[in-house]
Amino acid sequence: SFATPQNGWFEAACGLLGVTPLNR
């Protein structure tokens, strides 16, 4: 639950880095 796309930190971080997020 702390990592799902609803959180947003992973996707936001990947946006900062310019990388593609694959959230499972």
PDBML (XML) file of the C-alpha atoms, coordinates in Angstrom:
<?xml version="1.0" encoding="UTF-8" ?>
<PDBx:datablock datablockName="MODEL"
   xmlns:PDBx="http://pdbml.pdb.org/schema/pdbx-v50.xsd"
   xmlns:xsi="http://www.w3.org/2001/XMLSchema-instance"
   xsi:schemaLocation="http://pdbml.pdb.org/schema/pdbx-v50.xsd pdbx-v50.xsd">
   <PDBx:atom_siteCategory>
      <PDBx:atom_site id="1">
         <PDBx:B_iso_or_equiv>0.00</PDBx:B_iso_or_equiv>
         <PDBx:Cartn_x>0.000</PDBx:Cartn_x>
         <PDBx:Cartn_y>0.000</PDBx:Cartn_y>
         <PDBx:Cartn_z>0.000</PDBx:Cartn_z>
         <PDBx:auth_asym_id>A</PDBx:auth_asym_id>
         <PDBx:auth_atom_id>CA</PDBx:auth_atom_id>
         <PDBx:auth_comp_id>SER</PDBx:auth_comp_id>
         <PDBx:auth_seq_id>1</PDBx:auth_seq_id>
         <PDBx:group_PDB>ATOM</PDBx:group_PDB>
         <PDBx:label_alt_id xsi:nil="true" />
         <PDBx:label_asym_id>A</PDBx:label_asym_id>
         <PDBx:label_atom_id>CA</PDBx:label_atom_id>
         <PDBx:label_comp_id>SER</PDBx:label_comp_id>
         <PDBx:label_entity_id>1</PDBx:label_entity_id>
         <PDBx:label_seq_id>1</PDBx:label_seq_id>
         <PDBx:occupancy>1.00</PDBx:occupancy>
         <PDBx:pdbx_PDB_model_num>1</PDBx:pdbx_PDB_model_num>
         <PDBx:type_symbol>C</PDBx:type_symbol>
      </PDBx:atom_site>
      <PDBx:atom_site id="2">
         <PDBx:B_iso_or_equiv>0.00</PDBx:B_iso_or_equiv>
         <PDBx:Cartn_x>2.889</PDBx:Cartn_x>
         <PDBx:Cartn_y>2.426</PDBx:Cartn_y>
         <PDBx:Cartn_z>0.539</PDBx:Cartn_z>
         <PDBx:auth_asym_id>A</PDBx:auth_asym_id>
         <PDBx:auth_atom_id>CA</PDBx:auth_atom_id>
         <PDBx:auth_comp_id>PHE</PDBx:auth_comp_id>
         <PDBx:auth_seq_id>2</PDBx:auth_seq_id>
         <PDBx:group_PDB>ATOM</PDBx:group_PDB>
         <PDBx:label_alt_id xsi:nil="true" />
         <PDBx:label_asym_id>A</PDBx:label_asym_id>
         <PDBx:label_atom_id>CA</PDBx:label_atom_id>
         <PDBx:label_comp_id>PHE</PDBx:label_comp_id>
         <PDBx:label_entity_id>1</PDBx:label_entity_id>
         <PDBx:label_seq_id>2</PDBx:label_seq_id>
         <PDBx:occupancy>1.00</PDBx:occupancy>
         <PDBx:pdbx_PDB_model_num>1</PDBx:pdbx_PDB_model_num>
         <PDBx:type_symbol>C</PDBx:type_symbol>
      </PDBx:atom_site>
      <PDBx:atom_site id="3">
         <PDBx:B_iso_or_equiv>0.00</PDBx:B_iso_or_equiv>
         <PDBx:Cartn_x>4.073</PDBx:Cartn_x>
         <PDBx:Cartn_y>1.931</PDBx:Cartn_y>
         <PDBx:Cartn_z>-3.037</PDBx:Cartn_z>
         <PDBx:auth_asym_id>A</PDBx:auth_asym_id>
         <PDBx:auth_atom_id>CA</PDBx:auth_atom_id>
         <PDBx:auth_comp_id>ALA</PDBx:auth_comp_id>
         <PDBx:auth_seq_id>3</PDBx:auth_seq_id>
         <PDBx:group_PDB>ATOM</PDBx:group_PDB>
         <PDBx:label_alt_id xsi:nil="true" />
         <PDBx:label_asym_id>A</PDBx:label_asym_id>
         <PDBx:label_atom_id>CA</PDBx:label_atom_id>
         <PDBx:label_comp_id>ALA</PDBx:label_comp_id>
         <PDBx:label_entity_id>1</PDBx:label_entity_id>
         <PDBx:label_seq_id>3</PDBx:label_seq_id>
         <PDBx:occupancy>1.00</PDBx:occupancy>
         <PDBx:pdbx_PDB_model_num>1</PDBx:pdbx_PDB_model_num>
         <PDBx:type_symbol>C</PDBx:type_symbol>
      </PDBx:atom_site>
      <PDBx:atom_site id="4">
         <PDBx:B_iso_or_equiv>0.00</PDBx:B_iso_or_equiv>
         <PDBx:Cartn_x>0.922</PDBx:Cartn_x>
         <PDBx:Cartn_y>1.777</PDBx:Cartn_y>
         <PDBx:Cartn_z>-5.178</PDBx:Cartn_z>
         <PDBx:auth_asym_id>A</PDBx:auth_asym_id>
         <PDBx:auth_atom_id>CA</PDBx:auth_atom_id>
         <PDBx:auth_comp_id>THR</PDBx:auth_comp_id>
         <PDBx:auth_seq_id>4</PDBx:auth_seq_id>
         <PDBx:group_PDB>ATOM</PDBx:group_PDB>
         <PDBx:label_alt_id xsi:nil="true" />
         <PDBx:label_asym_id>A</PDBx:label_asym_id>
         <PDBx:label_atom_id>CA</PDBx:label_atom_id>
         <PDBx:label_comp_id>THR</PDBx:label_comp_id>
         <PDBx:label_entity_id>1</PDBx:label_entity_id>
         <PDBx:label_seq_id>4</PDBx:label_seq_id>
         <PDBx:occupancy>1.00</PDBx:occupancy>
         <PDBx:pdbx_PDB_model_num>1</PDBx:pdbx_PDB_model_num>
         <PDBx:type_symbol>C</PDBx:type_symbol>
      </PDBx:atom_site>
      <PDBx:atom_site id="5">
         <PDBx:B_iso_or_equiv>0.00</PDBx:B_iso_or_equiv>
         <PDBx:Cartn_x>0.392</PDBx:Cartn_x>
         <PDBx:Cartn_y>4.420</PDBx:Cartn_y>
         <PDBx:Cartn_z>-7.890</PDBx:Cartn_z>
         <PDBx:auth_asym_id>A</PDBx:auth_asym_id>
         <PDBx:auth_atom_id>CA</PDBx:auth_atom_id>
         <PDBx:auth_comp_id>PRO</PDBx:auth_comp_id>
         <PDBx:auth_seq_id>5</PDBx:auth_seq_id>
         <PDBx:group_PDB>ATOM</PDBx:group_PDB>
         <PDBx:label_alt_id xsi:nil="true" />
         <PDBx:label_asym_id>A</PDBx:label_asym_id>
         <PDBx:label_atom_id>CA</PDBx:label_atom_id>
         <PDBx:label_comp_id>PRO</PDBx:label_comp_id>
         <PDBx:label_entity_id>1</PDBx:label_entity_id>
         <PDBx:label_seq_id>5</PDBx:label_seq_id>
         <PDBx:occupancy>1.00</PDBx:occupancy>
         <PDBx:pdbx_PDB_model_num>1</PDBx:pdbx_PDB_model_num>
         <PDBx:type_symbol>C</PDBx:type_symbol>
      </PDBx:atom_site>
      <PDBx:atom_site id="6">
         <PDBx:B_iso_or_equiv>0.00</PDBx:B_iso_or_equiv>
         <PDBx:Cartn_x>-2.199</PDBx:Cartn_x>
         <PDBx:Cartn_y>6.135</PDBx:Cartn_y>
         <PDBx:Cartn_z>-5.676</PDBx:Cartn_z>
         <PDBx:auth_asym_id>A</PDBx:auth_asym_id>
         <PDBx:auth_atom_id>CA</PDBx:auth_atom_id>
         <PDBx:auth_comp_id>GLN</PDBx:auth_comp_id>
         <PDBx:auth_seq_id>6</PDBx:auth_seq_id>
         <PDBx:group_PDB>ATOM</PDBx:group_PDB>
         <PDBx:label_alt_id xsi:nil="true" />
         <PDBx:label_asym_id>A</PDBx:label_asym_id>
         <PDBx:label_atom_id>CA</PDBx:label_atom_id>
         <PDBx:label_comp_id>GLN</PDBx:label_comp_id>
         <PDBx:label_entity_id>1</PDBx:label_entity_id>
         <PDBx:label_seq_id>6</PDBx:label_seq_id>
         <PDBx:occupancy>1.00</PDBx:occupancy>
         <PDBx:pdbx_PDB_model_num>1</PDBx:pdbx_PDB_model_num>
         <PDBx:type_symbol>C</PDBx:type_symbol>
      </PDBx:atom_site>
      <PDBx:atom_site id="7">
         <PDBx:B_iso_or_equiv>0.00</PDBx:B_iso_or_equiv>
         <PDBx:Cartn_x>0.693</PDBx:Cartn_x>
         <PDBx:Cartn_y>7.322</PDBx:Cartn_y>
         <PDBx:Cartn_z>-3.494</PDBx:Cartn_z>
         <PDBx:auth_asym_id>A</PDBx:auth_asym_id>
         <PDBx:auth_atom_id>CA</PDBx:auth_atom_id>
         <PDBx:auth_comp_id>ASN</PDBx:auth_comp_id>
         <PDBx:auth_seq_id>7</PDBx:auth_seq_id>
         <PDBx:group_PDB>ATOM</PDBx:group_PDB>
         <PDBx:label_alt_id xsi:nil="true" />
         <PDBx:label_asym_id>A</PDBx:label_asym_id>
         <PDBx:label_atom_id>CA</PDBx:label_atom_id>
         <PDBx:label_comp_id>ASN</PDBx:label_comp_id>
         <PDBx:label_entity_id>1</PDBx:label_entity_id>
         <PDBx:label_seq_id>7</PDBx:label_seq_id>
         <PDBx:occupancy>1.00</PDBx:occupancy>
         <PDBx:pdbx_PDB_model_num>1</PDBx:pdbx_PDB_model_num>
         <PDBx:type_symbol>C</PDBx:type_symbol>
      </PDBx:atom_site>
      <PDBx:atom_site id="8">
         <PDBx:B_iso_or_equiv>0.00</PDBx:B_iso_or_equiv>
         <PDBx:Cartn_x>2.549</PDBx:Cartn_x>
         <PDBx:Cartn_y>9.073</PDBx:Cartn_y>
         <PDBx:Cartn_z>-6.279</PDBx:Cartn_z>
         <PDBx:auth_asym_id>A</PDBx:auth_asym_id>
         <PDBx:auth_atom_id>CA</PDBx:auth_atom_id>
         <PDBx:auth_comp_id>GLY</PDBx:auth_comp_id>
         <PDBx:auth_seq_id>8</PDBx:auth_seq_id>
         <PDBx:group_PDB>ATOM</PDBx:group_PDB>
         <PDBx:label_alt_id xsi:nil="true" />
         <PDBx:label_asym_id>A</PDBx:label_asym_id>
         <PDBx:label_atom_id>CA</PDBx:label_atom_id>
         <PDBx:label_comp_id>GLY</PDBx:label_comp_id>
         <PDBx:label_entity_id>1</PDBx:label_entity_id>
         <PDBx:label_seq_id>8</PDBx:label_seq_id>
         <PDBx:occupancy>1.00</PDBx:occupancy>
         <PDBx:pdbx_PDB_model_num>1</PDBx:pdbx_PDB_model_num>
         <PDBx:type_symbol>C</PDBx:type_symbol>
      </PDBx:atom_site>
      <PDBx:atom_site id="9">
         <PDBx:B_iso_or_equiv>0.00</PDBx:B_iso_or_equiv>
         <PDBx:Cartn_x>6.127</PDBx:Cartn_x>
         <PDBx:Cartn_y>9.289</PDBx:Cartn_y>
         <PDBx:Cartn_z>-4.969</PDBx:Cartn_z>
         <PDBx:auth_asym_id>A</PDBx:auth_asym_id>
         <PDBx:auth_atom_id>CA</PDBx:auth_atom_id>
         <PDBx:auth_comp_id>TRP</PDBx:auth_comp_id>
         <PDBx:auth_seq_id>9</PDBx:auth_seq_id>
         <PDBx:group_PDB>ATOM</PDBx:group_PDB>
         <PDBx:label_alt_id xsi:nil="true" />
         <PDBx:label_asym_id>A</PDBx:label_asym_id>
         <PDBx:label_atom_id>CA</PDBx:label_atom_id>
         <PDBx:label_comp_id>TRP</PDBx:label_comp_id>
         <PDBx:label_entity_id>1</PDBx:label_entity_id>
         <PDBx:label_seq_id>9</PDBx:label_seq_id>
         <PDBx:occupancy>1.00</PDBx:occupancy>
         <PDBx:pdbx_PDB_model_num>1</PDBx:pdbx_PDB_model_num>
         <PDBx:type_symbol>C</PDBx:type_symbol>
      </PDBx:atom_site>
      <PDBx:atom_site id="10">
         <PDBx:B_iso_or_equiv>0.00</PDBx:B_iso_or_equiv>
         <PDBx:Cartn_x>7.502</PDBx:Cartn_x>
         <PDBx:Cartn_y>6.666</PDBx:Cartn_y>
         <PDBx:Cartn_z>-7.365</PDBx:Cartn_z>
         <PDBx:auth_asym_id>A</PDBx:auth_asym_id>
         <PDBx:auth_atom_id>CA</PDBx:auth_atom_id>
         <PDBx:auth_comp_id>PHE</PDBx:auth_comp_id>
         <PDBx:auth_seq_id>10</PDBx:auth_seq_id>
         <PDBx:group_PDB>ATOM</PDBx:group_PDB>
         <PDBx:label_alt_id xsi:nil="true" />
         <PDBx:label_asym_id>A</PDBx:label_asym_id>
         <PDBx:label_atom_id>CA</PDBx:label_atom_id>
         <PDBx:label_comp_id>PHE</PDBx:label_comp_id>
         <PDBx:label_entity_id>1</PDBx:label_entity_id>
         <PDBx:label_seq_id>10</PDBx:label_seq_id>
         <PDBx:occupancy>1.00</PDBx:occupancy>
         <PDBx:pdbx_PDB_model_num>1</PDBx:pdbx_PDB_model_num>
         <PDBx:type_symbol>C</PDBx:type_symbol>
      </PDBx:atom_site>
      <PDBx:atom_site id="11">
         <PDBx:B_iso_or_equiv>0.00</PDBx:B_iso_or_equiv>
         <PDBx:Cartn_x>5.898</PDBx:Cartn_x>
         <PDBx:Cartn_y>8.162</PDBx:Cartn_y>
         <PDBx:Cartn_z>-10.445</PDBx:Cartn_z>
         <PDBx:auth_asym_id>A</PDBx:auth_asym_id>
         <PDBx:auth_atom_id>CA</PDBx:auth_atom_id>
         <PDBx:auth_comp_id>GLU</PDBx:auth_comp_id>
         <PDBx:auth_seq_id>11</PDBx:auth_seq_id>
         <PDBx:group_PDB>ATOM</PDBx:group_PDB>
         <PDBx:label_alt_id xsi:nil="true" />
         <PDBx:label_asym_id>A</PDBx:label_asym_id>
         <PDBx:label_atom_id>CA</PDBx:label_atom_id>
         <PDBx:label_comp_id>GLU</PDBx:label_comp_id>
         <PDBx:label_entity_id>1</PDBx:label_entity_id>
         <PDBx:label_seq_id>11</PDBx:label_seq_id>
         <PDBx:occupancy>1.00</PDBx:occupancy>
         <PDBx:pdbx_PDB_model_num>1</PDBx:pdbx_PDB_model_num>
         <PDBx:type_symbol>C</PDBx:type_symbol>
      </PDBx:atom_site>
      <PDBx:atom_site id="12">
         <PDBx:B_iso_or_equiv>0.00</PDBx:B_iso_or_equiv>
         <PDBx:Cartn_x>6.913</PDBx:Cartn_x>
         <PDBx:Cartn_y>11.685</PDBx:Cartn_y>
         <PDBx:Cartn_z>-9.377</PDBx:Cartn_z>
         <PDBx:auth_asym_id>A</PDBx:auth_asym_id>
         <PDBx:auth_atom_id>CA</PDBx:auth_atom_id>
         <PDBx:auth_comp_id>ALA</PDBx:auth_comp_id>
         <PDBx:auth_seq_id>12</PDBx:auth_seq_id>
         <PDBx:group_PDB>ATOM</PDBx:group_PDB>
         <PDBx:label_alt_id xsi:nil="true" />
         <PDBx:label_asym_id>A</PDBx:label_asym_id>
         <PDBx:label_atom_id>CA</PDBx:label_atom_id>
         <PDBx:label_comp_id>ALA</PDBx:label_comp_id>
         <PDBx:label_entity_id>1</PDBx:label_entity_id>
         <PDBx:label_seq_id>12</PDBx:label_seq_id>
         <PDBx:occupancy>1.00</PDBx:occupancy>
         <PDBx:pdbx_PDB_model_num>1</PDBx:pdbx_PDB_model_num>
         <PDBx:type_symbol>C</PDBx:type_symbol>
      </PDBx:atom_site>
      <PDBx:atom_site id="13">
         <PDBx:B_iso_or_equiv>0.00</PDBx:B_iso_or_equiv>
         <PDBx:Cartn_x>10.501</PDBx:Cartn_x>
         <PDBx:Cartn_y>10.551</PDBx:Cartn_y>
         <PDBx:Cartn_z>-8.782</PDBx:Cartn_z>
         <PDBx:auth_asym_id>A</PDBx:auth_asym_id>
         <PDBx:auth_atom_id>CA</PDBx:auth_atom_id>
         <PDBx:auth_comp_id>ALA</PDBx:auth_comp_id>
         <PDBx:auth_seq_id>13</PDBx:auth_seq_id>
         <PDBx:group_PDB>ATOM</PDBx:group_PDB>
         <PDBx:label_alt_id xsi:nil="true" />
         <PDBx:label_asym_id>A</PDBx:label_asym_id>
         <PDBx:label_atom_id>CA</PDBx:label_atom_id>
         <PDBx:label_comp_id>ALA</PDBx:label_comp_id>
         <PDBx:label_entity_id>1</PDBx:label_entity_id>
         <PDBx:label_seq_id>13</PDBx:label_seq_id>
         <PDBx:occupancy>1.00</PDBx:occupancy>
         <PDBx:pdbx_PDB_model_num>1</PDBx:pdbx_PDB_model_num>
         <PDBx:type_symbol>C</PDBx:type_symbol>
      </PDBx:atom_site>
      <PDBx:atom_site id="14">
         <PDBx:B_iso_or_equiv>0.00</PDBx:B_iso_or_equiv>
         <PDBx:Cartn_x>10.670</PDBx:Cartn_x>
         <PDBx:Cartn_y>8.867</PDBx:Cartn_y>
         <PDBx:Cartn_z>-12.168</PDBx:Cartn_z>
         <PDBx:auth_asym_id>A</PDBx:auth_asym_id>
         <PDBx:auth_atom_id>CA</PDBx:auth_atom_id>
         <PDBx:auth_comp_id>CYS</PDBx:auth_comp_id>
         <PDBx:auth_seq_id>14</PDBx:auth_seq_id>
         <PDBx:group_PDB>ATOM</PDBx:group_PDB>
         <PDBx:label_alt_id xsi:nil="true" />
         <PDBx:label_asym_id>A</PDBx:label_asym_id>
         <PDBx:label_atom_id>CA</PDBx:label_atom_id>
         <PDBx:label_comp_id>CYS</PDBx:label_comp_id>
         <PDBx:label_entity_id>1</PDBx:label_entity_id>
         <PDBx:label_seq_id>14</PDBx:label_seq_id>
         <PDBx:occupancy>1.00</PDBx:occupancy>
         <PDBx:pdbx_PDB_model_num>1</PDBx:pdbx_PDB_model_num>
         <PDBx:type_symbol>C</PDBx:type_symbol>
      </PDBx:atom_site>
      <PDBx:atom_site id="15">
         <PDBx:B_iso_or_equiv>0.00</PDBx:B_iso_or_equiv>
         <PDBx:Cartn_x>9.375</PDBx:Cartn_x>
         <PDBx:Cartn_y>12.100</PDBx:Cartn_y>
         <PDBx:Cartn_z>-13.679</PDBx:Cartn_z>
         <PDBx:auth_asym_id>A</PDBx:auth_asym_id>
         <PDBx:auth_atom_id>CA</PDBx:auth_atom_id>
         <PDBx:auth_comp_id>GLY</PDBx:auth_comp_id>
         <PDBx:auth_seq_id>15</PDBx:auth_seq_id>
         <PDBx:group_PDB>ATOM</PDBx:group_PDB>
         <PDBx:label_alt_id xsi:nil="true" />
         <PDBx:label_asym_id>A</PDBx:label_asym_id>
         <PDBx:label_atom_id>CA</PDBx:label_atom_id>
         <PDBx:label_comp_id>GLY</PDBx:label_comp_id>
         <PDBx:label_entity_id>1</PDBx:label_entity_id>
         <PDBx:label_seq_id>15</PDBx:label_seq_id>
         <PDBx:occupancy>1.00</PDBx:occupancy>
         <PDBx:pdbx_PDB_model_num>1</PDBx:pdbx_PDB_model_num>
         <PDBx:type_symbol>C</PDBx:type_symbol>
      </PDBx:atom_site>
      <PDBx:atom_site id="16">
         <PDBx:B_iso_or_equiv>0.00</PDBx:B_iso_or_equiv>
         <PDBx:Cartn_x>12.185</PDBx:Cartn_x>
         <PDBx:Cartn_y>14.031</PDBx:Cartn_y>
         <PDBx:Cartn_z>-11.986</PDBx:Cartn_z>
         <PDBx:auth_asym_id>A</PDBx:auth_asym_id>
         <PDBx:auth_atom_id>CA</PDBx:auth_atom_id>
         <PDBx:auth_comp_id>LEU</PDBx:auth_comp_id>
         <PDBx:auth_seq_id>16</PDBx:auth_seq_id>
         <PDBx:group_PDB>ATOM</PDBx:group_PDB>
         <PDBx:label_alt_id xsi:nil="true" />
         <PDBx:label_asym_id>A</PDBx:label_asym_id>
         <PDBx:label_atom_id>CA</PDBx:label_atom_id>
         <PDBx:label_comp_id>LEU</PDBx:label_comp_id>
         <PDBx:label_entity_id>1</PDBx:label_entity_id>
         <PDBx:label_seq_id>16</PDBx:label_seq_id>
         <PDBx:occupancy>1.00</PDBx:occupancy>
         <PDBx:pdbx_PDB_model_num>1</PDBx:pdbx_PDB_model_num>
         <PDBx:type_symbol>C</PDBx:type_symbol>
      </PDBx:atom_site>
      <PDBx:atom_site id="17">
         <PDBx:B_iso_or_equiv>0.00</PDBx:B_iso_or_equiv>
         <PDBx:Cartn_x>14.703</PDBx:Cartn_x>
         <PDBx:Cartn_y>11.516</PDBx:Cartn_y>
         <PDBx:Cartn_z>-13.295</PDBx:Cartn_z>
         <PDBx:auth_asym_id>A</PDBx:auth_asym_id>
         <PDBx:auth_atom_id>CA</PDBx:auth_atom_id>
         <PDBx:auth_comp_id>LEU</PDBx:auth_comp_id>
         <PDBx:auth_seq_id>17</PDBx:auth_seq_id>
         <PDBx:group_PDB>ATOM</PDBx:group_PDB>
         <PDBx:label_alt_id xsi:nil="true" />
         <PDBx:label_asym_id>A</PDBx:label_asym_id>
         <PDBx:label_atom_id>CA</PDBx:label_atom_id>
         <PDBx:label_comp_id>LEU</PDBx:label_comp_id>
         <PDBx:label_entity_id>1</PDBx:label_entity_id>
         <PDBx:label_seq_id>17</PDBx:label_seq_id>
         <PDBx:occupancy>1.00</PDBx:occupancy>
         <PDBx:pdbx_PDB_model_num>1</PDBx:pdbx_PDB_model_num>
         <PDBx:type_symbol>C</PDBx:type_symbol>
      </PDBx:atom_site>
      <PDBx:atom_site id="18">
         <PDBx:B_iso_or_equiv>0.00</PDBx:B_iso_or_equiv>
         <PDBx:Cartn_x>13.258</PDBx:Cartn_x>
         <PDBx:Cartn_y>11.175</PDBx:Cartn_y>
         <PDBx:Cartn_z>-16.787</PDBx:Cartn_z>
         <PDBx:auth_asym_id>A</PDBx:auth_asym_id>
         <PDBx:auth_atom_id>CA</PDBx:auth_atom_id>
         <PDBx:auth_comp_id>GLY</PDBx:auth_comp_id>
         <PDBx:auth_seq_id>18</PDBx:auth_seq_id>
         <PDBx:group_PDB>ATOM</PDBx:group_PDB>
         <PDBx:label_alt_id xsi:nil="true" />
         <PDBx:label_asym_id>A</PDBx:label_asym_id>
         <PDBx:label_atom_id>CA</PDBx:label_atom_id>
         <PDBx:label_comp_id>GLY</PDBx:label_comp_id>
         <PDBx:label_entity_id>1</PDBx:label_entity_id>
         <PDBx:label_seq_id>18</PDBx:label_seq_id>
         <PDBx:occupancy>1.00</PDBx:occupancy>
         <PDBx:pdbx_PDB_model_num>1</PDBx:pdbx_PDB_model_num>
         <PDBx:type_symbol>C</PDBx:type_symbol>
      </PDBx:atom_site>
      <PDBx:atom_site id="19">
         <PDBx:B_iso_or_equiv>0.00</PDBx:B_iso_or_equiv>
         <PDBx:Cartn_x>12.846</PDBx:Cartn_x>
         <PDBx:Cartn_y>7.410</PDBx:Cartn_y>
         <PDBx:Cartn_z>-16.459</PDBx:Cartn_z>
         <PDBx:auth_asym_id>A</PDBx:auth_asym_id>
         <PDBx:auth_atom_id>CA</PDBx:auth_atom_id>
         <PDBx:auth_comp_id>VAL</PDBx:auth_comp_id>
         <PDBx:auth_seq_id>19</PDBx:auth_seq_id>
         <PDBx:group_PDB>ATOM</PDBx:group_PDB>
         <PDBx:label_alt_id xsi:nil="true" />
         <PDBx:label_asym_id>A</PDBx:label_asym_id>
         <PDBx:label_atom_id>CA</PDBx:label_atom_id>
         <PDBx:label_comp_id>VAL</PDBx:label_comp_id>
         <PDBx:label_entity_id>1</PDBx:label_entity_id>
         <PDBx:label_seq_id>19</PDBx:label_seq_id>
         <PDBx:occupancy>1.00</PDBx:occupancy>
         <PDBx:pdbx_PDB_model_num>1</PDBx:pdbx_PDB_model_num>
         <PDBx:type_symbol>C</PDBx:type_symbol>
      </PDBx:atom_site>
      <PDBx:atom_site id="20">
         <PDBx:B_iso_or_equiv>0.00</PDBx:B_iso_or_equiv>
         <PDBx:Cartn_x>9.909</PDBx:Cartn_x>
         <PDBx:Cartn_y>5.110</PDBx:Cartn_y>
         <PDBx:Cartn_z>-17.157</PDBx:Cartn_z>
         <PDBx:auth_asym_id>A</PDBx:auth_asym_id>
         <PDBx:auth_atom_id>CA</PDBx:auth_atom_id>
         <PDBx:auth_comp_id>THR</PDBx:auth_comp_id>
         <PDBx:auth_seq_id>20</PDBx:auth_seq_id>
         <PDBx:group_PDB>ATOM</PDBx:group_PDB>
         <PDBx:label_alt_id xsi:nil="true" />
         <PDBx:label_asym_id>A</PDBx:label_asym_id>
         <PDBx:label_atom_id>CA</PDBx:label_atom_id>
         <PDBx:label_comp_id>THR</PDBx:label_comp_id>
         <PDBx:label_entity_id>1</PDBx:label_entity_id>
         <PDBx:label_seq_id>20</PDBx:label_seq_id>
         <PDBx:occupancy>1.00</PDBx:occupancy>
         <PDBx:pdbx_PDB_model_num>1</PDBx:pdbx_PDB_model_num>
         <PDBx:type_symbol>C</PDBx:type_symbol>
      </PDBx:atom_site>
      <PDBx:atom_site id="21">
         <PDBx:B_iso_or_equiv>0.00</PDBx:B_iso_or_equiv>
         <PDBx:Cartn_x>8.060</PDBx:Cartn_x>
         <PDBx:Cartn_y>3.837</PDBx:Cartn_y>
         <PDBx:Cartn_z>-14.059</PDBx:Cartn_z>
         <PDBx:auth_asym_id>A</PDBx:auth_asym_id>
         <PDBx:auth_atom_id>CA</PDBx:auth_atom_id>
         <PDBx:auth_comp_id>PRO</PDBx:auth_comp_id>
         <PDBx:auth_seq_id>21</PDBx:auth_seq_id>
         <PDBx:group_PDB>ATOM</PDBx:group_PDB>
         <PDBx:label_alt_id xsi:nil="true" />
         <PDBx:label_asym_id>A</PDBx:label_asym_id>
         <PDBx:label_atom_id>CA</PDBx:label_atom_id>
         <PDBx:label_comp_id>PRO</PDBx:label_comp_id>
         <PDBx:label_entity_id>1</PDBx:label_entity_id>
         <PDBx:label_seq_id>21</PDBx:label_seq_id>
         <PDBx:occupancy>1.00</PDBx:occupancy>
         <PDBx:pdbx_PDB_model_num>1</PDBx:pdbx_PDB_model_num>
         <PDBx:type_symbol>C</PDBx:type_symbol>
      </PDBx:atom_site>
      <PDBx:atom_site id="22">
         <PDBx:B_iso_or_equiv>0.00</PDBx:B_iso_or_equiv>
         <PDBx:Cartn_x>6.758</PDBx:Cartn_x>
         <PDBx:Cartn_y>0.274</PDBx:Cartn_y>
         <PDBx:Cartn_z>-14.048</PDBx:Cartn_z>
         <PDBx:auth_asym_id>A</PDBx:auth_asym_id>
         <PDBx:auth_atom_id>CA</PDBx:auth_atom_id>
         <PDBx:auth_comp_id>LEU</PDBx:auth_comp_id>
         <PDBx:auth_seq_id>22</PDBx:auth_seq_id>
         <PDBx:group_PDB>ATOM</PDBx:group_PDB>
         <PDBx:label_alt_id xsi:nil="true" />
         <PDBx:label_asym_id>A</PDBx:label_asym_id>
         <PDBx:label_atom_id>CA</PDBx:label_atom_id>
         <PDBx:label_comp_id>LEU</PDBx:label_comp_id>
         <PDBx:label_entity_id>1</PDBx:label_entity_id>
         <PDBx:label_seq_id>22</PDBx:label_seq_id>
         <PDBx:occupancy>1.00</PDBx:occupancy>
         <PDBx:pdbx_PDB_model_num>1</PDBx:pdbx_PDB_model_num>
         <PDBx:type_symbol>C</PDBx:type_symbol>
      </PDBx:atom_site>
      <PDBx:atom_site id="23">
         <PDBx:B_iso_or_equiv>0.00</PDBx:B_iso_or_equiv>
         <PDBx:Cartn_x>4.704</PDBx:Cartn_x>
         <PDBx:Cartn_y>0.057</PDBx:Cartn_y>
         <PDBx:Cartn_z>-10.861</PDBx:Cartn_z>
         <PDBx:auth_asym_id>A</PDBx:auth_asym_id>
         <PDBx:auth_atom_id>CA</PDBx:auth_atom_id>
         <PDBx:auth_comp_id>ASN</PDBx:auth_comp_id>
         <PDBx:auth_seq_id>23</PDBx:auth_seq_id>
         <PDBx:group_PDB>ATOM</PDBx:group_PDB>
         <PDBx:label_alt_id xsi:nil="true" />
         <PDBx:label_asym_id>A</PDBx:label_asym_id>
         <PDBx:label_atom_id>CA</PDBx:label_atom_id>
         <PDBx:label_comp_id>ASN</PDBx:label_comp_id>
         <PDBx:label_entity_id>1</PDBx:label_entity_id>
         <PDBx:label_seq_id>23</PDBx:label_seq_id>
         <PDBx:occupancy>1.00</PDBx:occupancy>
         <PDBx:pdbx_PDB_model_num>1</PDBx:pdbx_PDB_model_num>
         <PDBx:type_symbol>C</PDBx:type_symbol>
      </PDBx:atom_site>
      <PDBx:atom_site id="24">
         <PDBx:B_iso_or_equiv>0.00</PDBx:B_iso_or_equiv>
         <PDBx:Cartn_x>3.617</PDBx:Cartn_x>
         <PDBx:Cartn_y>-3.457</PDBx:Cartn_y>
         <PDBx:Cartn_z>-9.874</PDBx:Cartn_z>
         <PDBx:auth_asym_id>A</PDBx:auth_asym_id>
         <PDBx:auth_atom_id>CA</PDBx:auth_atom_id>
         <PDBx:auth_comp_id>ARG</PDBx:auth_comp_id>
         <PDBx:auth_seq_id>24</PDBx:auth_seq_id>
         <PDBx:group_PDB>ATOM</PDBx:group_PDB>
         <PDBx:label_alt_id xsi:nil="true" />
         <PDBx:label_asym_id>A</PDBx:label_asym_id>
         <PDBx:label_atom_id>CA</PDBx:label_atom_id>
         <PDBx:label_comp_id>ARG</PDBx:label_comp_id>
         <PDBx:label_entity_id>1</PDBx:label_entity_id>
         <PDBx:label_seq_id>24</PDBx:label_seq_id>
         <PDBx:occupancy>1.00</PDBx:occupancy>
         <PDBx:pdbx_PDB_model_num>1</PDBx:pdbx_PDB_model_num>
         <PDBx:type_symbol>C</PDBx:type_symbol>
      </PDBx:atom_site>
   </PDBx:atom_siteCategory>
</PDBx:datablock>
